[in-house]
Amino acid sequence: MATRKTTRKSVSSNRAAADAAGAPAIDIGLSDAQRRQIADGLSRFLADAYTLYLMTHNFHWNVTGPMFNTLHVMFETQYTEQWTALDEVAERIRALGFSAPGSYAQFARLSSIEEEGPLEDNTDWRGMVRRLTLGNEAVCRTARKVLKTADDAGDDPSVDLLTQRLQIHEKYAWMLRSLLQ
């Protein structure tokens, strides 16, 4: 019983000290180094995902030609889903205690997806679909690297998030590739 009182008193003292000094340190069962490594990987993943989102939205706006309606709707469905997912990734980085990247300069520096210029011909739907296929696959490769890091650290929320994103981006790559066969 004395231990319990001491523990309660100790917790109360810690809360009072934390309240006086600001927020308490993050203690979620991951070391600072593990959280940093996962957050850095998630930042690279977010940069890839954001770059792909912009590319998908760009092609939605600019596709023309005989595949216009089919691709316009498909691209809108994909970029809408991607937009929501970006927020989930950024919030996971914040939950780990780090700032999420949020500028074009940061995304350009962190992304593995090379930003290509606009297509010369907006009727080149095959070029758009090919670039989006490759972009989704790049996002998958980055997700797998970060997933391994998160799994090794026992960070189940990050593993779950990345597993879900892998399923979506692998499906998008498959659907897009199917249009080219």
N, C-alpha and C. Protein backbone atom coordinates (compact mmCIF):
# COMPACT_ATOMS: atom_id res chain seq x y z
N MET A 1 0.81 -1.18 0.00
CA MET A 1 0.00 0.00 0.00
C MET A 1 0.86 1.26 0.00
N ALA A 2 1.96 1.23 0.73
CA ALA A 2 2.84 2.39 0.76
C ALA A 2 3.39 2.68 -0.63
N THR A 3 3.69 1.61 -1.37
CA THR A 3 4.19 1.79 -2.72
C THR A 3 3.18 2.51 -3.59
N ARG A 4 1.93 2.09 -3.47
CA ARG A 4 0.88 2.70 -4.27
C ARG A 4 0.77 4.20 -3.96
N LYS A 5 0.81 4.57 -2.66
CA LYS A 5 0.74 5.98 -2.29
C LYS A 5 1.94 6.74 -2.84
N THR A 6 3.12 6.12 -2.74
CA THR A 6 4.31 6.77 -3.25
C THR A 6 4.19 6.97 -4.75
N THR A 7 3.69 5.94 -5.46
CA THR A 7 3.54 6.03 -6.91
C THR A 7 2.56 7.14 -7.27
N ARG A 8 1.42 7.18 -6.59
CA ARG A 8 0.43 8.22 -6.88
C ARG A 8 1.02 9.60 -6.61
N LYS A 9 1.74 9.70 -5.49
CA LYS A 9 2.34 10.98 -5.15
C LYS A 9 3.39 11.36 -6.19
N SER A 10 4.16 10.37 -6.63
CA SER A 10 5.19 10.60 -7.63
C SER A 10 4.57 11.04 -8.96
N VAL A 11 3.49 10.37 -9.37
CA VAL A 11 2.80 10.74 -10.60
C VAL A 11 2.23 12.15 -10.47
N SER A 12 1.62 12.44 -9.33
CA SER A 12 1.08 13.79 -9.10
C SER A 12 2.18 14.82 -9.15
N SER A 13 3.32 14.52 -8.55
CA SER A 13 4.45 15.45 -8.58
C SER A 13 4.94 15.66 -10.01
N ASN A 14 5.02 14.57 -10.78
CA ASN A 14 5.46 14.66 -12.17
C ASN A 14 4.48 15.50 -13.00
N ARG A 15 3.18 15.28 -12.77
CA ARG A 15 2.17 16.07 -13.50
C ARG A 15 2.30 17.55 -13.15
N ALA A 16 2.45 17.83 -11.88
CA ALA A 16 2.57 19.23 -11.46
C ALA A 16 3.82 19.86 -12.08
N ALA A 17 4.93 19.12 -12.09
CA ALA A 17 6.16 19.63 -12.69
C ALA A 17 5.98 19.82 -14.20
N ALA A 18 5.31 18.86 -14.86
CA ALA A 18 5.09 18.97 -16.30
C ALA A 18 4.18 20.15 -16.61
N ASP A 19 3.12 20.33 -15.80
CA ASP A 19 2.23 21.45 -16.02
C ASP A 19 2.97 22.77 -15.86
N ALA A 20 3.85 22.83 -14.89
CA ALA A 20 4.60 24.05 -14.64
C ALA A 20 5.61 24.30 -15.75
N ALA A 21 6.18 23.25 -16.30
CA ALA A 21 7.23 23.38 -17.30
C ALA A 21 6.72 23.22 -18.73
N GLY A 22 5.48 22.87 -18.93
CA GLY A 22 4.96 22.64 -20.27
C GLY A 22 4.56 21.18 -20.43
N ALA A 23 4.49 20.73 -21.65
CA ALA A 23 4.08 19.35 -21.93
C ALA A 23 5.13 18.37 -21.46
N PRO A 24 4.68 17.20 -20.99
CA PRO A 24 5.65 16.18 -20.57
C PRO A 24 6.36 15.59 -21.81
N ALA A 25 7.48 14.98 -21.55
CA ALA A 25 8.21 14.30 -22.61
C ALA A 25 7.36 13.16 -23.18
N ILE A 26 7.56 12.86 -24.44
CA ILE A 26 6.83 11.76 -25.07
C ILE A 26 7.37 10.44 -24.55
N ASP A 27 6.48 9.59 -24.07
CA ASP A 27 6.86 8.28 -23.54
C ASP A 27 5.81 7.27 -24.00
N ILE A 28 5.93 6.83 -25.27
CA ILE A 28 4.95 5.91 -25.85
C ILE A 28 5.52 4.52 -26.08
N GLY A 29 6.66 4.24 -25.47
CA GLY A 29 7.25 2.92 -25.60
C GLY A 29 8.24 2.81 -26.75
N LEU A 30 8.58 3.93 -27.36
CA LEU A 30 9.60 3.98 -28.41
C LEU A 30 10.67 4.98 -27.96
N SER A 31 11.92 4.65 -28.20
CA SER A 31 12.99 5.58 -27.83
C SER A 31 12.93 6.81 -28.73
N ASP A 32 13.61 7.86 -28.29
CA ASP A 32 13.68 9.07 -29.11
C ASP A 32 14.30 8.76 -30.48
N ALA A 33 15.32 7.93 -30.48
CA ALA A 33 15.99 7.57 -31.74
C ALA A 33 15.05 6.79 -32.66
N GLN A 34 14.27 5.86 -32.09
CA GLN A 34 13.31 5.11 -32.90
C GLN A 34 12.24 6.04 -33.48
N ARG A 35 11.72 6.92 -32.63
CA ARG A 35 10.70 7.85 -33.10
C ARG A 35 11.24 8.74 -34.20
N ARG A 36 12.47 9.21 -34.05
CA ARG A 36 13.11 10.07 -35.06
C ARG A 36 13.28 9.31 -36.38
N GLN A 37 13.77 8.08 -36.31
CA GLN A 37 14.00 7.29 -37.51
C GLN A 37 12.68 7.03 -38.25
N ILE A 38 11.65 6.69 -37.52
CA ILE A 38 10.33 6.43 -38.13
C ILE A 38 9.76 7.72 -38.70
N ALA A 39 9.84 8.81 -37.95
CA ALA A 39 9.32 10.10 -38.43
C ALA A 39 10.06 10.55 -39.69
N ASP A 40 11.37 10.35 -39.74
CA ASP A 40 12.13 10.70 -40.94
C ASP A 40 11.67 9.88 -42.14
N GLY A 41 11.46 8.59 -41.93
CA GLY A 41 10.95 7.73 -43.01
C GLY A 41 9.56 8.13 -43.44
N LEU A 42 8.69 8.43 -42.46
CA LEU A 42 7.34 8.87 -42.80
C LEU A 42 7.36 10.20 -43.53
N SER A 43 8.33 11.05 -43.23
CA SER A 43 8.46 12.33 -43.95
C SER A 43 8.82 12.09 -45.42
N ARG A 44 9.70 11.13 -45.67
CA ARG A 44 10.03 10.78 -47.06
C ARG A 44 8.80 10.18 -47.76
N PHE A 45 8.07 9.34 -47.02
CA PHE A 45 6.86 8.75 -47.58
C PHE A 45 5.83 9.85 -47.88
N LEU A 46 5.66 10.79 -46.97
CA LEU A 46 4.73 11.89 -47.18
C LEU A 46 5.13 12.72 -48.40
N ALA A 47 6.41 12.95 -48.57
CA ALA A 47 6.88 13.71 -49.74
C ALA A 47 6.57 12.96 -51.04
N ASP A 48 6.80 11.66 -51.06
CA ASP A 48 6.46 10.87 -52.25
C ASP A 48 4.95 10.90 -52.50
N ALA A 49 4.18 10.71 -51.43
CA ALA A 49 2.72 10.66 -51.57
C ALA A 49 2.18 12.01 -52.03
N TYR A 50 2.75 13.10 -51.54
CA TYR A 50 2.29 14.44 -51.94
C TYR A 50 2.65 14.71 -53.39
N THR A 51 3.83 14.33 -53.78
CA THR A 51 4.25 14.51 -55.18
C THR A 51 3.33 13.73 -56.10
N LEU A 52 3.00 12.50 -55.73
CA LEU A 52 2.08 11.70 -56.52
C LEU A 52 0.68 12.33 -56.55
N TYR A 53 0.24 12.83 -55.41
CA TYR A 53 -1.06 13.52 -55.35
C TYR A 53 -1.09 14.68 -56.36
N LEU A 54 -0.05 15.52 -56.35
CA LEU A 54 -0.01 16.66 -57.27
C LEU A 54 -0.02 16.20 -58.73
N MET A 55 0.73 15.16 -59.03
CA MET A 55 0.77 14.63 -60.39
C MET A 55 -0.61 14.12 -60.81
N THR A 56 -1.26 13.39 -59.92
CA THR A 56 -2.58 12.84 -60.22
C THR A 56 -3.59 13.96 -60.43
N HIS A 57 -3.55 14.97 -59.59
CA HIS A 57 -4.47 16.10 -59.72
C HIS A 57 -4.20 16.87 -61.02
N ASN A 58 -2.95 17.07 -61.34
CA ASN A 58 -2.56 17.74 -62.58
C ASN A 58 -3.13 17.00 -63.79
N PHE A 59 -2.98 15.69 -63.82
CA PHE A 59 -3.47 14.92 -64.95
C PHE A 59 -5.00 14.93 -65.00
N HIS A 60 -5.64 14.94 -63.86
CA HIS A 60 -7.10 15.07 -63.81
C HIS A 60 -7.54 16.36 -64.51
N TRP A 61 -6.85 17.45 -64.21
CA TRP A 61 -7.22 18.74 -64.79
C TRP A 61 -6.93 18.79 -66.28
N ASN A 62 -5.89 18.12 -66.72
CA ASN A 62 -5.38 18.36 -68.07
C ASN A 62 -5.58 17.26 -69.09
N VAL A 63 -6.10 16.11 -68.69
CA VAL A 63 -6.30 15.03 -69.66
C VAL A 63 -7.34 15.46 -70.71
N THR A 64 -7.08 15.10 -71.94
CA THR A 64 -8.03 15.34 -73.04
C THR A 64 -8.03 14.11 -73.93
N GLY A 65 -8.89 14.12 -74.91
CA GLY A 65 -8.91 13.04 -75.88
C GLY A 65 -9.97 11.98 -75.60
N PRO A 66 -9.86 10.86 -76.32
CA PRO A 66 -10.90 9.84 -76.26
C PRO A 66 -11.04 9.15 -74.89
N MET A 67 -10.02 9.21 -74.06
CA MET A 67 -10.07 8.59 -72.73
C MET A 67 -10.42 9.61 -71.64
N PHE A 68 -10.81 10.81 -72.07
CA PHE A 68 -11.04 11.89 -71.11
C PHE A 68 -11.95 11.47 -69.96
N ASN A 69 -13.16 11.06 -70.24
CA ASN A 69 -14.12 10.80 -69.16
C ASN A 69 -13.64 9.70 -68.21
N THR A 70 -13.17 8.62 -68.75
CA THR A 70 -12.70 7.50 -67.92
C THR A 70 -11.56 7.93 -67.01
N LEU A 71 -10.57 8.61 -67.58
CA LEU A 71 -9.40 8.99 -66.78
C LEU A 71 -9.69 10.16 -65.86
N HIS A 72 -10.49 11.10 -66.31
CA HIS A 72 -10.86 12.24 -65.48
C HIS A 72 -11.50 11.75 -64.18
N VAL A 73 -12.42 10.81 -64.28
CA VAL A 73 -13.09 10.25 -63.10
C VAL A 73 -12.12 9.41 -62.27
N MET A 74 -11.33 8.57 -62.92
CA MET A 74 -10.38 7.72 -62.20
C MET A 74 -9.37 8.56 -61.43
N PHE A 75 -8.81 9.57 -62.09
CA PHE A 75 -7.81 10.41 -61.43
C PHE A 75 -8.43 11.17 -60.26
N GLU A 76 -9.66 11.63 -60.42
CA GLU A 76 -10.32 12.35 -59.32
C GLU A 76 -10.53 11.43 -58.12
N THR A 77 -10.95 10.23 -58.37
CA THR A 77 -11.14 9.26 -57.29
C THR A 77 -9.82 9.04 -56.55
N GLN A 78 -8.74 8.89 -57.31
CA GLN A 78 -7.45 8.62 -56.70
C GLN A 78 -6.92 9.83 -55.94
N TYR A 79 -6.96 11.02 -56.54
CA TYR A 79 -6.39 12.16 -55.82
C TYR A 79 -7.21 12.54 -54.60
N THR A 80 -8.51 12.31 -54.63
CA THR A 80 -9.35 12.60 -53.46
C THR A 80 -8.98 11.68 -52.30
N GLU A 81 -8.80 10.41 -52.58
CA GLU A 81 -8.40 9.45 -51.55
C GLU A 81 -7.00 9.78 -51.04
N GLN A 82 -6.11 10.14 -51.94
CA GLN A 82 -4.73 10.46 -51.56
C GLN A 82 -4.68 11.69 -50.66
N TRP A 83 -5.52 12.69 -50.93
CA TRP A 83 -5.52 13.91 -50.13
C TRP A 83 -5.82 13.60 -48.67
N THR A 84 -6.82 12.78 -48.43
CA THR A 84 -7.19 12.40 -47.07
C THR A 84 -6.05 11.65 -46.39
N ALA A 85 -5.41 10.78 -47.13
CA ALA A 85 -4.32 9.98 -46.56
C ALA A 85 -3.12 10.83 -46.18
N LEU A 86 -2.87 11.90 -46.91
CA LEU A 86 -1.74 12.77 -46.58
C LEU A 86 -1.85 13.29 -45.16
N ASP A 87 -3.06 13.65 -44.77
CA ASP A 87 -3.30 14.16 -43.43
C ASP A 87 -2.99 13.10 -42.37
N GLU A 88 -3.38 11.87 -42.63
CA GLU A 88 -3.12 10.77 -41.69
C GLU A 88 -1.62 10.57 -41.48
N VAL A 89 -0.86 10.65 -42.56
CA VAL A 89 0.59 10.46 -42.46
C VAL A 89 1.22 11.61 -41.68
N ALA A 90 0.83 12.84 -42.01
CA ALA A 90 1.38 14.01 -41.31
C ALA A 90 1.03 13.96 -39.82
N GLU A 91 -0.18 13.55 -39.50
CA GLU A 91 -0.58 13.47 -38.09
C GLU A 91 0.18 12.37 -37.35
N ARG A 92 0.55 11.31 -38.05
CA ARG A 92 1.36 10.26 -37.40
C ARG A 92 2.75 10.79 -37.08
N ILE A 93 3.31 11.57 -37.99
CA ILE A 93 4.62 12.19 -37.73
C ILE A 93 4.52 13.08 -36.49
N ARG A 94 3.46 13.85 -36.39
CA ARG A 94 3.26 14.74 -35.23
C ARG A 94 3.09 13.92 -33.95
N ALA A 95 2.35 12.81 -34.03
CA ALA A 95 2.15 11.97 -32.84
C ALA A 95 3.47 11.39 -32.35
N LEU A 96 4.41 11.22 -33.25
CA LEU A 96 5.74 10.73 -32.86
C LEU A 96 6.61 11.85 -32.28
N GLY A 97 6.11 13.09 -32.36
CA GLY A 97 6.81 14.20 -31.73
C GLY A 97 7.65 15.06 -32.64
N PHE A 98 7.43 14.96 -33.95
CA PHE A 98 8.24 15.71 -34.89
C PHE A 98 7.35 16.52 -35.83
N SER A 99 7.94 17.54 -36.43
CA SER A 99 7.20 18.36 -37.39
C SER A 99 7.12 17.65 -38.73
N ALA A 100 5.96 17.71 -39.34
CA ALA A 100 5.77 17.13 -40.67
C ALA A 100 6.24 18.13 -41.71
N PRO A 101 6.88 17.66 -42.77
CA PRO A 101 7.24 18.58 -43.84
C PRO A 101 5.97 19.14 -44.47
N GLY A 102 6.03 20.37 -44.95
CA GLY A 102 4.82 20.95 -45.51
C GLY A 102 5.05 21.99 -46.58
N SER A 103 6.27 22.06 -47.12
CA SER A 103 6.53 23.03 -48.18
C SER A 103 6.97 22.29 -49.44
N TYR A 104 6.79 22.95 -50.56
CA TYR A 104 7.24 22.36 -51.82
C TYR A 104 8.73 22.07 -51.79
N ALA A 105 9.50 22.98 -51.19
CA ALA A 105 10.95 22.78 -51.11
C ALA A 105 11.29 21.53 -50.29
N GLN A 106 10.60 21.34 -49.16
CA GLN A 106 10.85 20.15 -48.34
C GLN A 106 10.45 18.89 -49.10
N PHE A 107 9.28 18.91 -49.73
CA PHE A 107 8.83 17.74 -50.47
C PHE A 107 9.79 17.41 -51.61
N ALA A 108 10.25 18.43 -52.33
CA ALA A 108 11.17 18.20 -53.44
C ALA A 108 12.47 17.57 -52.95
N ARG A 109 12.95 18.03 -51.80
CA ARG A 109 14.20 17.50 -51.24
C ARG A 109 14.04 16.07 -50.76
N LEU A 110 12.87 15.73 -50.20
CA LEU A 110 12.66 14.42 -49.58
C LEU A 110 12.12 13.35 -50.53
N SER A 111 11.49 13.76 -51.62
CA SER A 111 10.79 12.80 -52.48
C SER A 111 11.76 12.00 -53.36
N SER A 112 11.42 10.75 -53.57
CA SER A 112 12.18 9.91 -54.51
C SER A 112 11.60 10.01 -55.91
N ILE A 113 10.46 10.69 -56.04
CA ILE A 113 9.80 10.85 -57.34
C ILE A 113 10.31 12.13 -57.98
N GLU A 114 10.95 11.98 -59.12
CA GLU A 114 11.44 13.14 -59.85
C GLU A 114 10.25 13.86 -60.48
N GLU A 115 10.17 15.16 -60.23
CA GLU A 115 9.09 15.92 -60.85
C GLU A 115 9.46 16.16 -62.31
N GLU A 116 8.60 15.68 -63.16
CA GLU A 116 8.80 15.89 -64.58
C GLU A 116 7.96 17.07 -65.01
N GLY A 117 8.37 17.69 -66.08
CA GLY A 117 7.60 18.80 -66.60
C GLY A 117 6.26 18.32 -67.13
N PRO A 118 5.41 19.26 -67.51
CA PRO A 118 4.11 18.88 -68.05
C PRO A 118 4.27 18.12 -69.37
N LEU A 119 3.32 17.27 -69.64
CA LEU A 119 3.32 16.58 -70.92
C LEU A 119 3.06 17.59 -72.02
N GLU A 120 3.74 17.46 -73.12
CA GLU A 120 3.55 18.38 -74.24
C GLU A 120 2.16 18.20 -74.85
N ASP A 121 1.66 16.98 -74.79
CA ASP A 121 0.39 16.64 -75.44
C ASP A 121 -0.57 16.09 -74.40
N ASN A 122 -1.61 16.86 -74.05
CA ASN A 122 -2.57 16.42 -73.04
C ASN A 122 -3.45 15.28 -73.52
N THR A 123 -3.33 14.91 -74.80
CA THR A 123 -4.06 13.73 -75.27
C THR A 123 -3.21 12.47 -75.08
N ASP A 124 -1.98 12.63 -74.60
CA ASP A 124 -1.11 11.48 -74.36
C ASP A 124 -1.50 10.82 -73.04
N TRP A 125 -2.66 10.23 -73.04
CA TRP A 125 -3.16 9.59 -71.82
C TRP A 125 -2.27 8.43 -71.40
N ARG A 126 -1.66 7.76 -72.37
CA ARG A 126 -0.76 6.66 -72.02
C ARG A 126 0.46 7.16 -71.23
N GLY A 127 0.97 8.31 -71.61
CA GLY A 127 2.09 8.89 -70.87
C GLY A 127 1.69 9.24 -69.44
N MET A 128 0.50 9.79 -69.27
CA MET A 128 0.00 10.12 -67.94
C MET A 128 -0.14 8.85 -67.10
N VAL A 129 -0.77 7.84 -67.66
CA VAL A 129 -1.00 6.59 -66.94
C VAL A 129 0.32 5.92 -66.59
N ARG A 130 1.27 5.95 -67.52
CA ARG A 130 2.59 5.36 -67.26
C ARG A 130 3.27 6.09 -66.10
N ARG A 131 3.24 7.42 -66.11
CA ARG A 131 3.89 8.19 -65.04
C ARG A 131 3.22 7.94 -63.70
N LEU A 132 1.90 7.83 -63.70
CA LEU A 132 1.20 7.56 -62.44
C LEU A 132 1.46 6.14 -61.94
N THR A 133 1.60 5.19 -62.86
CA THR A 133 1.95 3.82 -62.47
C THR A 133 3.31 3.82 -61.77
N LEU A 134 4.28 4.46 -62.39
CA LEU A 134 5.63 4.52 -61.81
C LEU A 134 5.63 5.27 -60.48
N GLY A 135 4.83 6.33 -60.39
CA GLY A 135 4.72 7.10 -59.15
C GLY A 135 4.14 6.28 -58.02
N ASN A 136 3.08 5.53 -58.29
CA ASN A 136 2.49 4.67 -57.26
C ASN A 136 3.48 3.60 -56.81
N GLU A 137 4.24 3.06 -57.74
CA GLU A 137 5.23 2.06 -57.37
C GLU A 137 6.35 2.66 -56.52
N ALA A 138 6.75 3.90 -56.81
CA ALA A 138 7.77 4.57 -56.00
C ALA A 138 7.26 4.78 -54.57
N VAL A 139 6.00 5.18 -54.44
CA VAL A 139 5.40 5.34 -53.12
C VAL A 139 5.43 4.00 -52.37
N CYS A 140 5.14 2.92 -53.07
CA CYS A 140 5.16 1.59 -52.45
C CYS A 140 6.56 1.23 -51.95
N ARG A 141 7.56 1.51 -52.75
CA ARG A 141 8.93 1.18 -52.34
C ARG A 141 9.33 1.95 -51.07
N THR A 142 8.98 3.22 -51.03
CA THR A 142 9.29 4.02 -49.85
C THR A 142 8.52 3.50 -48.64
N ALA A 143 7.25 3.18 -48.83
CA ALA A 143 6.42 2.66 -47.73
C ALA A 143 7.03 1.38 -47.15
N ARG A 144 7.51 0.50 -48.02
CA ARG A 144 8.09 -0.77 -47.54
C ARG A 144 9.32 -0.53 -46.66
N LYS A 145 10.15 0.43 -47.05
CA LYS A 145 11.35 0.73 -46.25
C LYS A 145 10.96 1.24 -44.87
N VAL A 146 10.02 2.16 -44.83
CA VAL A 146 9.60 2.74 -43.55
C VAL A 146 8.86 1.69 -42.72
N LEU A 147 8.06 0.87 -43.38
CA LEU A 147 7.31 -0.18 -42.68
C LEU A 147 8.27 -1.11 -41.94
N LYS A 148 9.37 -1.46 -42.56
CA LYS A 148 10.36 -2.34 -41.92
C LYS A 148 10.94 -1.66 -40.68
N THR A 149 11.27 -0.40 -40.80
CA THR A 149 11.80 0.36 -39.67
C THR A 149 10.79 0.40 -38.53
N ALA A 150 9.54 0.71 -38.86
CA ALA A 150 8.48 0.80 -37.84
C ALA A 150 8.21 -0.56 -37.21
N ASP A 151 8.22 -1.60 -38.03
CA ASP A 151 7.97 -2.95 -37.51
C ASP A 151 9.09 -3.38 -36.57
N ASP A 152 10.33 -3.12 -36.96
CA ASP A 152 11.47 -3.47 -36.10
C ASP A 152 11.39 -2.77 -34.75
N ALA A 153 10.82 -1.56 -34.73
CA ALA A 153 10.71 -0.80 -33.48
C ALA A 153 9.46 -1.16 -32.68
N GLY A 154 8.56 -1.94 -33.27
CA GLY A 154 7.31 -2.28 -32.60
C GLY A 154 6.28 -1.16 -32.66
N ASP A 155 6.39 -0.31 -33.67
CA ASP A 155 5.47 0.82 -33.83
C ASP A 155 4.26 0.38 -34.67
N ASP A 156 3.34 -0.31 -34.02
CA ASP A 156 2.18 -0.87 -34.71
C ASP A 156 1.30 0.17 -35.40
N PRO A 157 1.05 1.35 -34.82
CA PRO A 157 0.24 2.33 -35.55
C PRO A 157 0.85 2.75 -36.89
N SER A 158 2.17 2.93 -36.92
CA SER A 158 2.82 3.28 -38.19
C SER A 158 2.79 2.11 -39.15
N VAL A 159 3.00 0.91 -38.65
CA VAL A 159 2.94 -0.29 -39.49
C VAL A 159 1.55 -0.41 -40.12
N ASP A 160 0.51 -0.22 -39.30
CA ASP A 160 -0.86 -0.31 -39.80
C ASP A 160 -1.12 0.74 -40.89
N LEU A 161 -0.72 1.97 -40.63
CA LEU A 161 -0.91 3.05 -41.60
C LEU A 161 -0.21 2.73 -42.91
N LEU A 162 1.04 2.29 -42.83
CA LEU A 162 1.81 1.99 -44.03
C LEU A 162 1.27 0.78 -44.78
N THR A 163 0.79 -0.22 -44.05
CA THR A 163 0.19 -1.39 -44.68
C THR A 163 -1.03 -0.98 -45.49
N GLN A 164 -1.86 -0.13 -44.91
CA GLN A 164 -3.05 0.35 -45.63
C GLN A 164 -2.66 1.13 -46.88
N ARG A 165 -1.64 1.99 -46.76
CA ARG A 165 -1.21 2.78 -47.92
C ARG A 165 -0.62 1.88 -49.00
N LEU A 166 0.12 0.86 -48.59
CA LEU A 166 0.66 -0.09 -49.57
C LEU A 166 -0.46 -0.76 -50.36
N GLN A 167 -1.49 -1.19 -49.67
CA GLN A 167 -2.61 -1.85 -50.35
C GLN A 167 -3.24 -0.92 -51.37
N ILE A 168 -3.43 0.33 -51.01
CA ILE A 168 -4.05 1.30 -51.92
C ILE A 168 -3.15 1.57 -53.12
N HIS A 169 -1.88 1.86 -52.88
CA HIS A 169 -0.98 2.24 -53.98
C HIS A 169 -0.65 1.06 -54.89
N GLU A 170 -0.57 -0.14 -54.33
CA GLU A 170 -0.39 -1.31 -55.19
C GLU A 170 -1.62 -1.52 -56.07
N LYS A 171 -2.79 -1.29 -55.52
CA LYS A 171 -4.03 -1.41 -56.30
C LYS A 171 -4.07 -0.36 -57.40
N TYR A 172 -3.72 0.89 -57.07
CA TYR A 172 -3.70 1.93 -58.09
C TYR A 172 -2.72 1.60 -59.21
N ALA A 173 -1.53 1.13 -58.85
CA ALA A 173 -0.53 0.77 -59.86
C ALA A 173 -1.07 -0.34 -60.76
N TRP A 174 -1.71 -1.33 -60.18
CA TRP A 174 -2.29 -2.44 -60.96
C TRP A 174 -3.37 -1.92 -61.91
N MET A 175 -4.28 -1.09 -61.38
CA MET A 175 -5.37 -0.58 -62.20
C MET A 175 -4.84 0.27 -63.36
N LEU A 176 -3.89 1.12 -63.07
CA LEU A 176 -3.30 1.96 -64.11
C LEU A 176 -2.56 1.13 -65.14
N ARG A 177 -1.74 0.18 -64.67
CA ARG A 177 -1.00 -0.67 -65.59
C ARG A 177 -1.94 -1.45 -66.50
N SER A 178 -3.08 -1.85 -65.97
CA SER A 178 -4.05 -2.61 -66.77
C SER A 178 -4.55 -1.83 -67.98
N LEU A 179 -4.57 -0.50 -67.87
CA LEU A 179 -4.99 0.32 -69.00
C LEU A 179 -3.96 0.31 -70.14
N LEU A 180 -2.74 -0.02 -69.83
CA LEU A 180 -1.66 0.01 -70.82
C LEU A 180 -1.42 -1.33 -71.49
N GLN A 181 -2.10 -2.38 -71.04
CA GLN A 181 -1.85 -3.72 -71.59
C GLN A 181 -2.78 -4.01 -72.74
